[in-house]
N, C-alpha and C. Protein backbone atom coordinates (compact mmCIF):
# COMPACT_ATOMS: atom_id res chain seq x y z
N MET A 1 -28.28 49.10 6.24
CA MET A 1 -27.82 48.31 7.37
C MET A 1 -28.23 46.84 7.21
N GLU A 2 -29.44 46.65 6.78
CA GLU A 2 -29.94 45.29 6.58
C GLU A 2 -29.14 44.58 5.48
N GLU A 3 -28.73 45.32 4.49
CA GLU A 3 -27.95 44.77 3.39
C GLU A 3 -26.59 44.25 3.88
N ILE A 4 -25.99 44.98 4.81
CA ILE A 4 -24.70 44.56 5.37
C ILE A 4 -24.86 43.25 6.14
N GLU A 5 -25.91 43.12 6.91
CA GLU A 5 -26.17 41.89 7.67
C GLU A 5 -26.38 40.70 6.73
N VAL A 6 -27.11 40.92 5.64
CA VAL A 6 -27.35 39.86 4.67
C VAL A 6 -26.02 39.42 4.05
N ARG A 7 -25.19 40.39 3.71
CA ARG A 7 -23.88 40.08 3.12
C ARG A 7 -23.00 39.30 4.10
N ARG A 8 -22.99 39.72 5.35
CA ARG A 8 -22.20 39.01 6.37
C ARG A 8 -22.68 37.57 6.53
N GLN A 9 -24.00 37.40 6.53
CA GLN A 9 -24.56 36.05 6.66
C GLN A 9 -24.15 35.18 5.47
N GLU A 10 -24.18 35.74 4.26
CA GLU A 10 -23.77 35.00 3.07
C GLU A 10 -22.29 34.61 3.15
N GLU A 11 -21.46 35.56 3.60
CA GLU A 11 -20.03 35.27 3.73
C GLU A 11 -19.80 34.17 4.76
N ARG A 12 -20.50 34.22 5.88
CA ARG A 12 -20.38 33.20 6.92
C ARG A 12 -20.78 31.83 6.37
N GLU A 13 -21.88 31.78 5.63
CA GLU A 13 -22.33 30.52 5.04
C GLU A 13 -21.32 29.99 4.02
N ASN A 14 -20.74 30.90 3.24
CA ASN A 14 -19.73 30.48 2.27
C ASN A 14 -18.50 29.91 2.96
N ARG A 15 -18.05 30.56 4.04
CA ARG A 15 -16.89 30.04 4.78
C ARG A 15 -17.19 28.66 5.35
N GLU A 16 -18.38 28.50 5.91
CA GLU A 16 -18.77 27.20 6.46
C GLU A 16 -18.81 26.13 5.38
N ARG A 17 -19.33 26.48 4.21
CA ARG A 17 -19.40 25.53 3.10
C ARG A 17 -18.00 25.13 2.65
N VAL A 18 -17.10 26.12 2.55
CA VAL A 18 -15.72 25.83 2.15
C VAL A 18 -15.07 24.90 3.17
N TRP A 19 -15.25 25.15 4.47
CA TRP A 19 -14.68 24.28 5.50
C TRP A 19 -15.24 22.87 5.42
N ARG A 20 -16.55 22.76 5.20
CA ARG A 20 -17.17 21.42 5.07
C ARG A 20 -16.61 20.68 3.87
N ASP A 21 -16.50 21.39 2.73
CA ASP A 21 -15.95 20.77 1.52
C ASP A 21 -14.50 20.32 1.75
N TRP A 22 -13.72 21.18 2.39
CA TRP A 22 -12.32 20.85 2.66
C TRP A 22 -12.22 19.65 3.60
N ALA A 23 -13.03 19.64 4.64
CA ALA A 23 -13.01 18.52 5.59
C ALA A 23 -13.40 17.22 4.89
N ALA A 24 -14.39 17.28 4.01
CA ALA A 24 -14.80 16.08 3.28
C ALA A 24 -13.68 15.61 2.36
N TRP A 25 -12.98 16.55 1.73
CA TRP A 25 -11.88 16.19 0.84
C TRP A 25 -10.75 15.52 1.63
N VAL A 26 -10.42 16.08 2.79
CA VAL A 26 -9.35 15.52 3.62
C VAL A 26 -9.73 14.12 4.08
N GLN A 27 -10.97 13.93 4.49
CA GLN A 27 -11.42 12.61 4.93
C GLN A 27 -11.35 11.60 3.79
N ALA A 28 -11.75 12.03 2.59
CA ALA A 28 -11.70 11.12 1.44
C ALA A 28 -10.26 10.76 1.10
N ALA A 29 -9.36 11.73 1.17
CA ALA A 29 -7.95 11.46 0.90
C ALA A 29 -7.36 10.52 1.94
N ALA A 30 -7.73 10.71 3.20
CA ALA A 30 -7.23 9.83 4.26
C ALA A 30 -7.76 8.41 4.07
N GLU A 31 -9.00 8.28 3.68
CA GLU A 31 -9.57 6.95 3.45
C GLU A 31 -8.89 6.26 2.27
N GLN A 32 -8.62 7.02 1.21
CA GLN A 32 -7.94 6.45 0.05
C GLN A 32 -6.54 5.99 0.44
N GLN A 33 -5.84 6.78 1.25
CA GLN A 33 -4.50 6.39 1.68
C GLN A 33 -4.56 5.13 2.54
N ARG A 34 -5.56 5.04 3.42
CA ARG A 34 -5.71 3.83 4.24
C ARG A 34 -5.91 2.60 3.36
N GLN A 35 -6.73 2.75 2.32
CA GLN A 35 -6.99 1.62 1.42
C GLN A 35 -5.72 1.23 0.66
N GLU A 36 -4.95 2.22 0.21
CA GLU A 36 -3.71 1.92 -0.50
C GLU A 36 -2.72 1.23 0.42
N LEU A 37 -2.63 1.68 1.66
CA LEU A 37 -1.71 1.05 2.61
C LEU A 37 -2.15 -0.37 2.93
N ALA A 38 -3.45 -0.61 2.94
CA ALA A 38 -3.94 -1.96 3.21
C ALA A 38 -3.50 -2.91 2.11
N LEU A 39 -3.35 -2.41 0.89
CA LEU A 39 -2.89 -3.24 -0.21
C LEU A 39 -1.38 -3.46 -0.15
N VAL A 40 -0.64 -2.46 0.31
CA VAL A 40 0.82 -2.52 0.32
C VAL A 40 1.33 -3.33 1.50
N ARG A 41 0.70 -3.23 2.63
CA ARG A 41 1.21 -3.87 3.85
C ARG A 41 1.35 -5.38 3.73
N PRO A 42 0.41 -6.12 3.15
CA PRO A 42 0.62 -7.57 3.05
C PRO A 42 1.89 -7.92 2.27
N ALA A 43 2.18 -7.19 1.21
CA ALA A 43 3.40 -7.45 0.44
C ALA A 43 4.63 -7.15 1.28
N GLU A 44 4.59 -6.08 2.05
CA GLU A 44 5.72 -5.75 2.92
C GLU A 44 5.90 -6.82 3.98
N ASP A 45 4.80 -7.34 4.51
CA ASP A 45 4.88 -8.39 5.52
C ASP A 45 5.56 -9.64 4.94
N GLU A 46 5.24 -9.99 3.70
CA GLU A 46 5.87 -11.15 3.06
C GLU A 46 7.38 -10.92 2.91
N GLU A 47 7.76 -9.70 2.53
CA GLU A 47 9.18 -9.39 2.39
C GLU A 47 9.89 -9.50 3.74
N ARG A 48 9.26 -9.01 4.79
CA ARG A 48 9.86 -9.09 6.12
C ARG A 48 10.03 -10.54 6.55
N GLU A 49 9.05 -11.38 6.24
CA GLU A 49 9.15 -12.79 6.60
C GLU A 49 10.34 -13.44 5.89
N GLU A 50 10.53 -13.13 4.61
CA GLU A 50 11.66 -13.69 3.87
C GLU A 50 12.98 -13.18 4.43
N GLU A 51 13.02 -11.89 4.80
CA GLU A 51 14.25 -11.35 5.38
C GLU A 51 14.53 -12.00 6.73
N ALA A 52 13.48 -12.26 7.49
CA ALA A 52 13.66 -12.91 8.80
C ALA A 52 14.20 -14.32 8.64
N GLN A 53 13.92 -14.94 7.51
CA GLN A 53 14.42 -16.28 7.25
C GLN A 53 15.88 -16.25 6.78
N GLY A 54 16.40 -15.06 6.54
CA GLY A 54 17.80 -14.93 6.15
C GLY A 54 18.01 -14.72 4.67
N ASN A 55 16.98 -14.59 3.89
CA ASN A 55 17.14 -14.37 2.45
C ASN A 55 17.35 -12.89 2.18
N ASP A 56 18.41 -12.55 1.45
CA ASP A 56 18.64 -11.17 1.06
C ASP A 56 17.73 -10.80 -0.10
N VAL A 57 17.51 -11.74 -0.98
CA VAL A 57 16.73 -11.50 -2.19
C VAL A 57 15.54 -12.44 -2.17
N PRO A 58 14.32 -11.90 -2.31
CA PRO A 58 13.16 -12.80 -2.33
C PRO A 58 13.29 -13.82 -3.45
N GLY A 59 13.04 -15.07 -3.15
CA GLY A 59 13.08 -16.12 -4.15
C GLY A 59 14.44 -16.78 -4.30
N VAL A 60 15.47 -16.27 -3.65
CA VAL A 60 16.81 -16.86 -3.74
C VAL A 60 17.10 -17.54 -2.41
N GLU A 61 17.38 -18.82 -2.47
CA GLU A 61 17.66 -19.58 -1.25
C GLU A 61 19.05 -19.23 -0.72
N GLU A 62 19.22 -19.36 0.57
CA GLU A 62 20.51 -19.10 1.21
C GLU A 62 21.56 -20.06 0.64
N GLY A 63 22.71 -19.52 0.24
CA GLY A 63 23.77 -20.35 -0.32
C GLY A 63 23.46 -20.80 -1.74
N GLY A 64 22.50 -20.18 -2.37
CA GLY A 64 22.10 -20.57 -3.72
C GLY A 64 22.97 -19.91 -4.76
N ASP A 65 22.39 -19.58 -5.86
CA ASP A 65 23.09 -19.02 -7.01
C ASP A 65 23.74 -17.68 -6.63
N GLU A 66 25.06 -17.62 -6.70
CA GLU A 66 25.78 -16.41 -6.32
C GLU A 66 25.46 -15.25 -7.26
N ALA A 67 25.29 -15.53 -8.53
CA ALA A 67 24.97 -14.46 -9.49
C ALA A 67 23.63 -13.82 -9.15
N ALA A 68 22.66 -14.62 -8.77
CA ALA A 68 21.35 -14.07 -8.40
C ALA A 68 21.46 -13.21 -7.15
N GLU A 69 22.30 -13.61 -6.21
CA GLU A 69 22.49 -12.79 -5.02
C GLU A 69 23.17 -11.47 -5.37
N GLN A 70 24.11 -11.49 -6.31
CA GLN A 70 24.77 -10.26 -6.74
C GLN A 70 23.77 -9.32 -7.39
N VAL A 71 22.88 -9.86 -8.21
CA VAL A 71 21.85 -9.03 -8.84
C VAL A 71 20.96 -8.43 -7.77
N GLY A 72 20.63 -9.22 -6.77
CA GLY A 72 19.79 -8.72 -5.69
C GLY A 72 20.44 -7.57 -4.95
N ARG A 73 21.74 -7.65 -4.72
CA ARG A 73 22.43 -6.55 -4.05
C ARG A 73 22.51 -5.33 -4.96
N ALA A 74 22.70 -5.56 -6.24
CA ALA A 74 22.85 -4.45 -7.18
C ALA A 74 21.58 -3.62 -7.27
N HIS A 75 20.44 -4.25 -7.10
CA HIS A 75 19.21 -3.45 -7.24
C HIS A 75 19.02 -2.48 -6.08
N ARG A 76 19.81 -2.62 -5.02
CA ARG A 76 19.71 -1.70 -3.90
C ARG A 76 20.73 -0.57 -3.99
N LEU A 77 21.58 -0.58 -5.00
CA LEU A 77 22.56 0.49 -5.14
C LEU A 77 21.87 1.77 -5.58
N PRO A 78 22.38 2.91 -5.16
CA PRO A 78 21.76 4.17 -5.58
C PRO A 78 21.90 4.36 -7.08
N THR A 79 20.88 4.92 -7.67
CA THR A 79 20.91 5.15 -9.12
C THR A 79 21.00 6.62 -9.45
N HIS A 80 21.16 7.45 -8.44
CA HIS A 80 21.30 8.88 -8.68
C HIS A 80 22.12 9.46 -7.54
N GLY A 81 22.59 10.67 -7.75
CA GLY A 81 23.27 11.36 -6.68
C GLY A 81 24.74 11.59 -6.94
N TYR A 82 25.37 12.09 -5.91
CA TYR A 82 26.76 12.52 -6.04
C TYR A 82 27.71 11.37 -6.33
N ASN A 83 27.42 10.17 -5.86
CA ASN A 83 28.38 9.08 -5.96
C ASN A 83 28.49 8.50 -7.36
N LEU A 84 27.68 8.93 -8.30
CA LEU A 84 27.79 8.43 -9.66
C LEU A 84 28.68 9.32 -10.53
N ARG A 85 29.01 10.51 -10.03
CA ARG A 85 29.87 11.39 -10.81
C ARG A 85 31.32 10.95 -10.64
N PRO A 86 32.08 10.97 -11.72
CA PRO A 86 33.49 10.57 -11.59
C PRO A 86 34.26 11.56 -10.71
N ARG A 87 35.20 11.04 -9.95
CA ARG A 87 36.02 11.91 -9.10
C ARG A 87 37.06 12.60 -9.95
N LYS A 88 37.37 13.82 -9.58
CA LYS A 88 38.37 14.59 -10.33
C LYS A 88 39.70 14.52 -9.67
């Protein structure tokens, strides 16, 4: 009987350890994601500011080089999917 209680206690401790390890892993992953987003957000803010000024392509002035604007639009075209297959 005493052996069963010892085993149950060990299992309980193991479950608690696994939960603590998992919680620590989730917290570390969340912190890493926050840090990555902190690096990405300033760049996104700059892009939004340029778009708010009316520029379609960063670095290209409004009414500027038409070829550069065409290249800027082309980079937003889909590069995969159904629309690249020829129609029958």
